[in-house]
């Protein structure tokens, strides 16, 4: 719903704004061309709040079908948030934390950081224009 709201309310303004921002326009074009795979990669990053991400994706050329296909990529983030909540709940109750829970939480945080850096590099490569031919 957030994606559709953003698309309906603000997409026309974003298109006018992108004219002056070629790198963002290239990223927007990439979202239209390879939307499902790009949205999947973006949704793998639990560092971005899901609701904010849905609004942001609605501002791009991403097709609704591609957004839906990429939705399962939110599962790792959901698991990370759930394990963080369970760890906080156990700590609040004074229960001893298990080594497995700590290991899973640490692995989730490391994975989120690695995915965030990797996604940034993928986006940077995708939006870098090749140099003009010499001659």
Foldseek 3Di string as FASTA:
>chain_A
DLLQVLLVPPQVVLVVVCVVPQLVVLLLVCCLVVVLVLLLLVLLQLVDDPSVVSNVSSNGNHDPVSNVNSVVSNVLSVVLVVLVVVVVVCVVVVHDDDPVSVVSNVVSVVSNVVSVVVSVVVSVVSSDDDDDDDD
